[in-house]
Protein backbone atom coordinates (compact mmCIF):
# COMPACT_ATOMS: atom_id res chain seq x y z
CA MET A 1 -25.16 -7.97 -30.26
CA ALA A 2 -27.04 -7.99 -33.55
CA GLU A 3 -24.42 -10.30 -35.00
CA GLU A 4 -24.80 -12.67 -32.09
CA THR A 5 -28.58 -12.67 -32.50
CA GLN A 6 -28.19 -13.40 -36.18
CA GLN A 7 -25.90 -16.32 -35.43
CA GLU A 8 -28.51 -17.75 -33.09
CA ARG A 9 -31.13 -17.89 -35.87
CA THR A 10 -30.47 -21.52 -36.71
CA GLU A 11 -34.07 -22.79 -36.91
CA GLN A 12 -36.13 -22.83 -40.08
CA ALA A 13 -39.20 -20.61 -40.09
CA THR A 14 -42.38 -22.25 -38.83
CA PRO A 15 -45.60 -22.23 -40.89
CA LYS A 16 -47.05 -19.62 -38.52
CA ARG A 17 -44.10 -17.28 -39.00
CA ARG A 18 -44.40 -17.65 -42.78
CA GLU A 19 -48.11 -16.94 -42.62
CA ASP A 20 -47.59 -13.88 -40.42
CA ALA A 21 -44.98 -12.58 -42.84
CA ARG A 22 -47.35 -13.08 -45.77
CA LYS A 23 -50.11 -11.19 -43.96
CA LYS A 24 -47.70 -8.26 -43.63
CA GLY A 25 -46.94 -8.43 -47.35
CA ASP A 26 -43.47 -9.85 -46.75
CA VAL A 27 -43.01 -12.42 -49.53
CA PRO A 28 -40.03 -13.27 -51.75
CA ARG A 29 -39.82 -11.15 -54.87
CA SER A 30 -37.38 -10.84 -57.77
CA ARG A 31 -37.50 -7.63 -59.76
CA GLU A 32 -35.16 -9.18 -62.30
CA LEU A 33 -37.61 -12.01 -62.93
CA THR A 34 -40.49 -9.55 -63.29
CA MET A 35 -38.51 -7.39 -65.71
CA THR A 36 -37.48 -10.43 -67.74
CA GLY A 37 -41.09 -11.58 -67.96
CA VAL A 38 -42.21 -8.15 -69.09
CA MET A 39 -39.46 -7.96 -71.71
CA LEU A 40 -40.24 -11.41 -73.10
CA SER A 41 -43.98 -10.68 -73.14
CA GLY A 42 -43.34 -7.37 -74.90
CA ALA A 43 -41.13 -9.08 -77.48
CA ALA A 44 -43.76 -11.75 -78.15
CA ALA A 45 -46.50 -9.12 -78.39
CA LEU A 46 -44.53 -7.03 -80.87
CA LEU A 47 -43.78 -10.06 -83.03
CA PHE A 48 -47.36 -11.35 -83.12
CA LEU A 49 -49.13 -7.98 -83.22
CA ALA A 50 -46.73 -6.18 -85.56
CA GLY A 51 -49.06 -6.62 -88.54
CA PRO A 52 -52.34 -5.41 -86.97
CA ILE A 53 -50.71 -2.58 -85.01
CA GLY A 54 -48.64 -1.47 -87.99
CA SER A 55 -51.67 -1.42 -90.27
CA ARG A 56 -53.73 0.65 -87.86
CA LEU A 57 -50.91 3.11 -87.23
CA THR A 58 -50.34 3.44 -90.99
CA ASN A 59 -54.00 4.30 -91.50
CA THR A 60 -53.88 6.73 -88.59
CA ILE A 61 -50.84 8.51 -89.95
CA SER A 62 -52.35 8.65 -93.45
CA GLU A 63 -55.57 10.17 -92.12
CA ALA A 64 -53.67 12.61 -89.93
CA LEU A 65 -51.69 13.97 -92.87
CA VAL A 66 -54.85 14.70 -94.83
CA ILE A 67 -56.66 17.93 -93.89
CA ASP A 68 -59.97 18.87 -95.38
CA ARG A 69 -59.91 22.15 -97.28
CA ARG A 70 -62.67 23.51 -95.04
CA HIS A 71 -60.49 23.15 -91.94
CA ILE A 72 -57.21 24.55 -93.28
CA PHE A 73 -57.78 27.99 -91.81
CA ASP A 74 -59.81 26.81 -88.82
CA ALA A 75 -57.51 27.16 -85.75
CA SER A 76 -59.96 25.31 -83.50
CA HIS A 77 -59.82 22.19 -85.66
CA LEU A 78 -56.17 21.40 -84.91
CA PRO A 79 -56.66 20.35 -81.24
CA VAL A 80 -59.64 18.20 -82.24
CA ALA A 81 -57.70 16.52 -85.02
CA PHE A 82 -54.72 15.96 -82.73
CA ALA A 83 -56.96 14.38 -80.09
CA GLU A 84 -58.47 12.04 -82.67
CA VAL A 85 -55.03 10.98 -83.89
CA ALA A 86 -53.77 10.44 -80.35
CA ASN A 87 -56.86 8.42 -79.46
CA ALA A 88 -56.47 6.26 -82.57
CA ALA A 89 -52.78 5.69 -81.83
CA MET A 90 -53.44 4.73 -78.20
CA THR A 91 -56.25 2.43 -79.27
CA SER A 92 -53.89 0.73 -81.70
CA MET A 93 -51.34 0.16 -78.91
CA LEU A 94 -53.95 -0.94 -76.33
CA PRO A 95 -53.49 -4.74 -76.88
CA PHE A 96 -49.74 -4.31 -76.42
CA ALA A 97 -50.28 -2.31 -73.21
CA VAL A 98 -52.70 -4.92 -71.83
CA ILE A 99 -50.20 -7.72 -72.47
CA LEU A 100 -47.48 -5.78 -70.64
CA LEU A 101 -49.80 -5.07 -67.70
CA VAL A 102 -50.72 -8.74 -67.36
CA ALA A 103 -47.04 -9.68 -67.59
CA VAL A 104 -46.21 -7.30 -64.72
CA PHE A 105 -48.74 -8.94 -62.38
CA LEU A 106 -47.93 -12.50 -63.42
CA GLY A 107 -44.19 -11.90 -63.23
CA ALA A 108 -44.49 -10.51 -59.71
CA ALA A 109 -46.41 -13.61 -58.60
CA LEU A 110 -44.03 -16.20 -60.07
CA ILE A 111 -42.22 -16.49 -56.73
CA GLY A 112 -44.06 -15.74 -53.52
CA GLY A 113 -47.50 -15.89 -55.12
CA TRP A 114 -50.19 -13.26 -54.81
CA SER A 115 -50.08 -11.11 -51.72
CA PHE A 116 -52.16 -8.06 -50.86
CA SER A 117 -51.60 -6.47 -47.48
CA LEU A 118 -52.78 -3.14 -46.11
CA GLN A 119 -50.00 -3.34 -43.53
CA ALA A 120 -47.39 -3.17 -46.27
CA ALA A 121 -49.07 -0.10 -47.76
CA ALA A 122 -49.45 1.68 -44.43
CA PRO A 123 -47.15 4.71 -43.94
CA LYS A 124 -44.15 4.16 -41.69
CA LEU A 125 -42.01 6.89 -40.14
CA GLU A 126 -38.84 4.87 -40.61
CA ARG A 127 -39.27 5.13 -44.37
CA ILE A 128 -38.84 8.92 -44.24
CA SER A 129 -36.25 8.92 -41.47
CA PRO A 130 -32.92 10.40 -42.71
CA VAL A 131 -30.93 8.17 -40.35
CA LYS A 132 -32.69 5.03 -41.56
CA GLY A 133 -32.29 6.19 -45.15
CA ILE A 134 -28.52 6.65 -44.75
CA LYS A 135 -28.26 3.19 -43.17
CA ARG A 136 -30.13 1.69 -46.10
CA ILE A 137 -27.89 3.49 -48.60
CA PHE A 138 -24.70 2.14 -47.04
CA SER A 139 -26.04 -1.30 -46.17
CA ALA A 140 -24.88 -4.61 -47.61
CA ASN A 141 -28.18 -4.96 -49.42
CA SER A 142 -27.67 -1.61 -51.19
CA LEU A 143 -24.18 -2.67 -52.22
CA ASN A 144 -25.61 -5.91 -53.57
CA GLU A 145 -28.26 -4.00 -55.53
CA LEU A 146 -25.60 -1.65 -56.93
CA LEU A 147 -23.40 -4.52 -58.09
CA LYS A 148 -26.40 -6.28 -59.56
CA ALA A 149 -27.46 -3.11 -61.41
CA LEU A 150 -23.95 -2.63 -62.82
CA ALA A 151 -23.80 -6.26 -63.92
CA LYS A 152 -27.24 -6.01 -65.48
CA PHE A 153 -26.36 -2.80 -67.29
CA SER A 154 -23.08 -4.25 -68.57
CA ILE A 155 -24.65 -7.45 -69.87
CA VAL A 156 -27.64 -5.72 -71.46
CA ALA A 157 -25.45 -2.98 -72.96
CA LEU A 158 -23.03 -5.46 -74.51
CA ILE A 159 -25.86 -7.53 -75.99
CA ALA A 160 -27.68 -4.42 -77.23
CA VAL A 161 -24.59 -2.93 -78.87
CA ALA A 162 -23.68 -6.24 -80.49
CA TRP A 163 -27.21 -6.70 -81.80
CA LEU A 164 -27.48 -3.13 -83.12
CA TRP A 165 -24.15 -3.58 -84.87
CA TYR A 166 -25.42 -6.77 -86.41
CA SER A 167 -28.76 -5.18 -87.44
CA VAL A 168 -27.46 -1.80 -88.65
CA GLU A 169 -28.04 -2.61 -92.32
CA GLU A 170 -31.58 -3.83 -91.66
CA LEU A 171 -32.36 -0.68 -89.67
CA ALA A 172 -30.93 1.54 -92.39
CA GLY A 173 -33.04 -0.26 -94.96
CA LEU A 174 -36.28 0.84 -93.24
CA GLY A 175 -35.97 4.23 -94.92
CA ARG A 176 -36.23 2.68 -98.35
CA GLU A 177 -39.47 0.81 -97.62
CA PRO A 178 -43.02 2.12 -97.99
CA ILE A 179 -44.29 3.63 -94.77
CA GLY A 180 -46.80 0.85 -94.10
CA SER A 181 -44.35 -2.01 -94.45
CA ALA A 182 -41.63 0.04 -92.72
CA ILE A 183 -43.77 0.43 -89.58
CA VAL A 184 -44.58 -3.29 -89.48
CA HIS A 185 -40.94 -4.18 -90.12
CA ALA A 186 -39.82 -1.75 -87.38
CA PHE A 187 -42.14 -3.41 -84.86
CA ARG A 188 -40.74 -6.82 -85.75
CA ILE A 189 -37.17 -5.55 -85.40
CA CYS A 190 -38.06 -4.15 -81.97
CA GLY A 191 -39.62 -7.48 -80.99
CA VAL A 192 -36.56 -9.46 -82.04
CA SER A 193 -34.30 -6.93 -80.33
CA LEU A 194 -36.22 -7.25 -77.06
CA LEU A 195 -36.05 -11.01 -77.39
CA VAL A 196 -32.28 -10.95 -77.84
CA ILE A 197 -31.73 -8.50 -75.00
CA SER A 198 -33.99 -10.59 -72.76
CA SER A 199 -31.57 -13.49 -73.13
CA GLY A 200 -29.13 -11.53 -70.98
CA LEU A 201 -31.87 -10.76 -68.47
CA LEU A 202 -32.67 -14.48 -68.27
CA LEU A 203 -29.13 -15.10 -67.08
CA ILE A 204 -29.45 -12.40 -64.43
CA ALA A 205 -32.87 -13.70 -63.29
CA ALA A 206 -31.52 -17.26 -63.08
CA VAL A 207 -28.98 -16.01 -60.54
CA ASP A 208 -31.25 -13.55 -58.74
CA VAL A 209 -34.24 -15.86 -58.07
CA PRO A 210 -32.32 -18.47 -55.99
CA PHE A 211 -30.52 -15.63 -54.21
CA GLN A 212 -33.79 -13.89 -53.30
CA LEU A 213 -35.30 -17.15 -52.05
CA TRP A 214 -32.20 -17.89 -49.97
CA GLN A 215 -32.16 -14.37 -48.55
CA TYR A 216 -35.86 -14.56 -47.70
CA GLN A 217 -35.45 -17.90 -45.91
CA LYS A 218 -32.49 -16.50 -44.01
CA LYS A 219 -34.46 -13.44 -42.93
CA LEU A 220 -37.29 -15.60 -41.56
CA ARG A 221 -35.03 -17.90 -39.56
CA MET A 222 -35.82 -18.14 -35.86
CA THR A 223 -33.93 -18.76 -32.67
CA LYS A 224 -34.76 -21.82 -30.61
CA GLN A 225 -36.34 -19.57 -27.99
CA GLN A 226 -38.61 -18.00 -30.60
CA VAL A 227 -39.73 -21.46 -31.70
CA LYS A 228 -40.51 -22.40 -28.09
CA ASP A 229 -42.38 -19.15 -27.46
CA GLU A 230 -44.43 -19.59 -30.62
CA PHE A 231 -45.27 -23.15 -29.66
CA LYS A 232 -46.47 -21.94 -26.26
CA GLU A 233 -48.61 -19.26 -27.88
CA THR A 234 -50.21 -21.55 -30.43
CA GLU A 235 -50.42 -24.84 -28.54
CA GLY A 236 -50.60 -23.52 -25.00
CA ARG A 237 -48.29 -24.13 -22.09
CA PRO A 238 -47.88 -27.83 -21.19
CA GLU A 239 -49.08 -27.33 -17.62
CA VAL A 240 -52.17 -25.48 -18.85
CA LYS A 241 -52.95 -28.15 -21.42
CA SER A 242 -52.51 -30.85 -18.76
CA ARG A 243 -54.92 -29.03 -16.45
CA ILE A 244 -57.46 -28.62 -19.26
CA ARG A 245 -57.27 -32.33 -20.07
CA GLN A 246 -57.73 -33.14 -16.41
CA LEU A 247 -60.83 -30.95 -16.17
CA GLN A 248 -62.22 -32.46 -19.36
CA GLN A 249 -61.72 -35.95 -17.98
CA GLN A 250 -63.47 -34.96 -14.75
CA VAL A 251 -66.44 -33.56 -16.67
CA ALA A 252 -66.61 -36.67 -18.87
CA THR A 253 -66.41 -38.97 -15.84
CA ARG A 254 -69.16 -37.03 -14.02
CA ARG A 255 -71.42 -37.19 -17.06
CA MET A 256 -70.67 -40.88 -17.47
CA MET A 257 -71.58 -41.62 -13.86
CA GLU A 258 -74.83 -39.68 -14.19
CA GLU A 259 -75.86 -41.86 -17.15
CA LEU A 260 -74.66 -45.13 -15.61
CA PRO A 261 -77.91 -45.89 -13.66
CA THR A 262 -79.74 -46.25 -17.01
CA ALA A 263 -77.44 -49.06 -18.17
CA ASP A 264 -78.81 -52.55 -18.83
CA VAL A 265 -75.66 -54.37 -17.75
CA VAL A 266 -72.09 -53.76 -16.64
CA ILE A 267 -69.65 -56.31 -18.03
CA THR A 268 -66.63 -56.74 -15.75
CA ASN A 269 -63.19 -58.33 -15.76
CA PRO A 270 -64.20 -58.72 -12.82
CA THR A 271 -61.74 -56.31 -11.09
CA HIS A 272 -59.66 -54.47 -13.68
CA PHE A 273 -62.21 -53.49 -16.36
CA ALA A 274 -65.85 -52.46 -16.37
CA VAL A 275 -67.97 -51.56 -19.41
CA ALA A 276 -71.61 -50.44 -19.09
CA LEU A 277 -73.96 -51.18 -22.01
CA LYS A 278 -77.39 -49.87 -22.85
CA TYR A 279 -79.74 -51.02 -25.58
CA ASP A 280 -83.03 -49.51 -26.77
CA GLU A 281 -84.30 -51.26 -29.87
CA SER A 282 -86.47 -48.27 -30.83
CA THR A 283 -83.59 -45.77 -30.99
CA MET A 284 -80.40 -47.84 -31.31
CA GLY A 285 -79.15 -50.10 -34.02
CA ALA A 286 -76.93 -51.96 -31.55
CA PRO A 287 -76.04 -51.84 -27.83
CA ARG A 288 -74.09 -48.72 -26.95
CA VAL A 289 -71.29 -48.11 -24.47
CA ILE A 290 -72.35 -45.45 -21.95
CA ALA A 291 -69.51 -45.91 -19.44
CA LYS A 292 -66.19 -47.67 -19.20
CA GLY A 293 -63.23 -47.63 -16.89
CA LYS A 294 -60.08 -49.35 -15.73
CA ASP A 295 -58.82 -50.19 -12.22
CA LEU A 296 -60.05 -47.45 -9.81
CA LEU A 297 -62.58 -46.07 -12.26
CA ALA A 298 -63.81 -49.60 -12.94
CA ALA A 299 -64.28 -50.09 -9.21
CA ARG A 300 -66.26 -46.84 -9.01
CA ILE A 301 -68.45 -47.97 -11.92
CA ARG A 302 -69.21 -51.24 -10.13
CA GLU A 303 -70.10 -49.36 -6.94
CA VAL A 304 -72.51 -47.00 -8.71
CA ALA A 305 -74.01 -49.91 -10.63
CA ALA A 306 -74.58 -51.82 -7.39
CA GLU A 307 -76.20 -48.77 -5.76
CA HIS A 308 -78.71 -48.50 -8.62
CA ARG A 309 -79.18 -52.25 -9.02
CA VAL A 310 -77.64 -52.43 -12.47
CA PRO A 311 -76.72 -56.08 -13.13
CA LEU A 312 -73.02 -56.98 -13.14
CA PHE A 313 -71.86 -59.72 -15.49
CA SER A 314 -68.37 -61.20 -15.26
CA ALA A 315 -66.88 -61.93 -18.69
CA PRO A 316 -63.16 -61.05 -18.64
CA PRO A 317 -62.32 -61.51 -22.35
CA LEU A 318 -65.45 -59.63 -23.46
CA ALA A 319 -64.82 -56.80 -20.98
CA ARG A 320 -61.23 -56.38 -22.16
CA VAL A 321 -62.20 -56.37 -25.86
CA LEU A 322 -65.05 -53.90 -25.30
CA TYR A 323 -62.73 -51.60 -23.38
CA ARG A 324 -60.06 -51.63 -26.11
CA THR A 325 -62.30 -51.37 -29.18
CA THR A 326 -64.96 -48.84 -28.15
CA GLU A 327 -65.30 -45.32 -26.82
CA ILE A 328 -68.09 -43.86 -24.74
CA GLY A 329 -71.11 -43.31 -26.98
CA ASP A 330 -70.01 -45.90 -29.57
CA GLU A 331 -72.09 -48.84 -30.62
CA ILE A 332 -70.41 -52.19 -30.08
CA PRO A 333 -68.51 -53.73 -33.05
CA ALA A 334 -70.49 -56.07 -35.29
CA ARG A 335 -68.19 -58.97 -34.41
CA LEU A 336 -69.35 -58.73 -30.78
CA TYR A 337 -73.08 -58.79 -31.51
CA THR A 338 -73.46 -62.51 -30.70
CA ALA A 339 -71.49 -62.37 -27.45
CA VAL A 340 -73.29 -59.26 -26.17
CA ALA A 341 -76.66 -60.64 -27.26
CA GLN A 342 -76.04 -63.72 -25.12
CA VAL A 343 -75.30 -61.52 -22.11
CA LEU A 344 -78.32 -59.25 -22.61
CA ALA A 345 -80.65 -62.21 -23.18
CA TYR A 346 -79.46 -63.72 -19.91
CA ILE A 347 -79.94 -60.42 -18.03
CA TYR A 348 -83.45 -59.95 -19.44
CA GLN A 349 -84.31 -63.55 -18.56
CA ILE A 350 -83.33 -63.36 -14.92
CA GLY A 351 -84.90 -59.93 -14.56
CA GLU A 352 -88.30 -60.56 -16.12
CA THR A 353 -89.16 -64.27 -16.16
CA LEU A 354 -87.43 -65.52 -13.02
CA LYS A 355 -89.92 -66.15 -10.21
CA PRO A 356 -89.11 -65.51 -6.52
CA GLY A 357 -87.14 -68.41 -5.06
CA GLN A 358 -86.46 -69.88 -8.48
CA ARG A 359 -82.88 -70.79 -9.19
CA PRO A 360 -81.39 -68.68 -12.00
CA PRO A 361 -80.10 -70.47 -15.10
CA GLU A 362 -76.42 -70.96 -15.73
CA PRO A 363 -74.87 -67.78 -17.14
CA PRO A 364 -73.58 -67.99 -20.71
CA VAL A 365 -69.87 -67.99 -21.49
CA PRO A 366 -69.32 -65.73 -24.50
CA GLU A 367 -66.63 -67.12 -26.76
CA ILE A 368 -64.19 -64.32 -27.58
CA ASN A 369 -60.83 -64.64 -29.33
CA GLU A 370 -58.97 -61.56 -28.11
CA ASP A 371 -56.22 -62.00 -30.71
CA GLU A 372 -58.72 -61.05 -33.43
CA PHE A 373 -59.26 -57.57 -31.95
């Protein structure tokens, strides 16, 4: 059953699944890459710091071998002297230790990046379960780790033996050097040795990093059903989203109809489109669309406008362009200023200056090239 489930994991992990895994501390890691980084950093540190560290250790050893005559028979002085020597030695090696510590953290973040998760550090019963432990011991992953460890040991051992054989005369010659130069020379030999041995670890890391990334991607793969379920959880079920959109449209339409009686004019198609405009020169830079609709909604807008004596103006091209290029609450486009100004001027004229019984002037015909919009 597990094999069948694994075969069904054909879909790549979604961003949400990757993020959830990261929150749990599950990120790709390569111990071989981290170890290689630490080895190379240690080799570089030994090569560059061999002189300063060697000089300080030489002084420490020289001072430690000199005992003041007053303290020769003082038994309590020995622990104090030993503590001073140990402190001086550790202080001398502190830069080297800091470089190694930084290399450990940087090496761990080379693939997968930084990740700190309390969930990963939380105790789990399965980690101390004997049954789970036996399964882990005899799992394919354990076999892979065993083979990798044997390969790593073989490569490193061969390189180390070959290098020691090559450097045996140089190592033997350390005994003939003064102690100060011998310590510095020994540090440099160790640095070069680490550098040579790290060349074998580079080969192992070059194989292990792609393998760890591939294994991590494989572990995060999802079935098609999991992808669908996640989509429903994050985006919502289609029927729910459709209902929400419907309710939002109803609320928007109700609010639009409540504001429609304040409009200055409703420009119509005359049957298919209706766009209501309002202009207040003290608060608006240009006329604003407060309602618009198509077909049945356009008919409802005309009805409400007629009930509240909002003027209707038939200008089919202008109505179509306004409907396509604006949303409710938007100011009209600058290219329509002239056409809308003609309509508003006409509406204001017949509403304010026209006397009872006087024949209204001919309505303007706004010139609109719909192909430009």
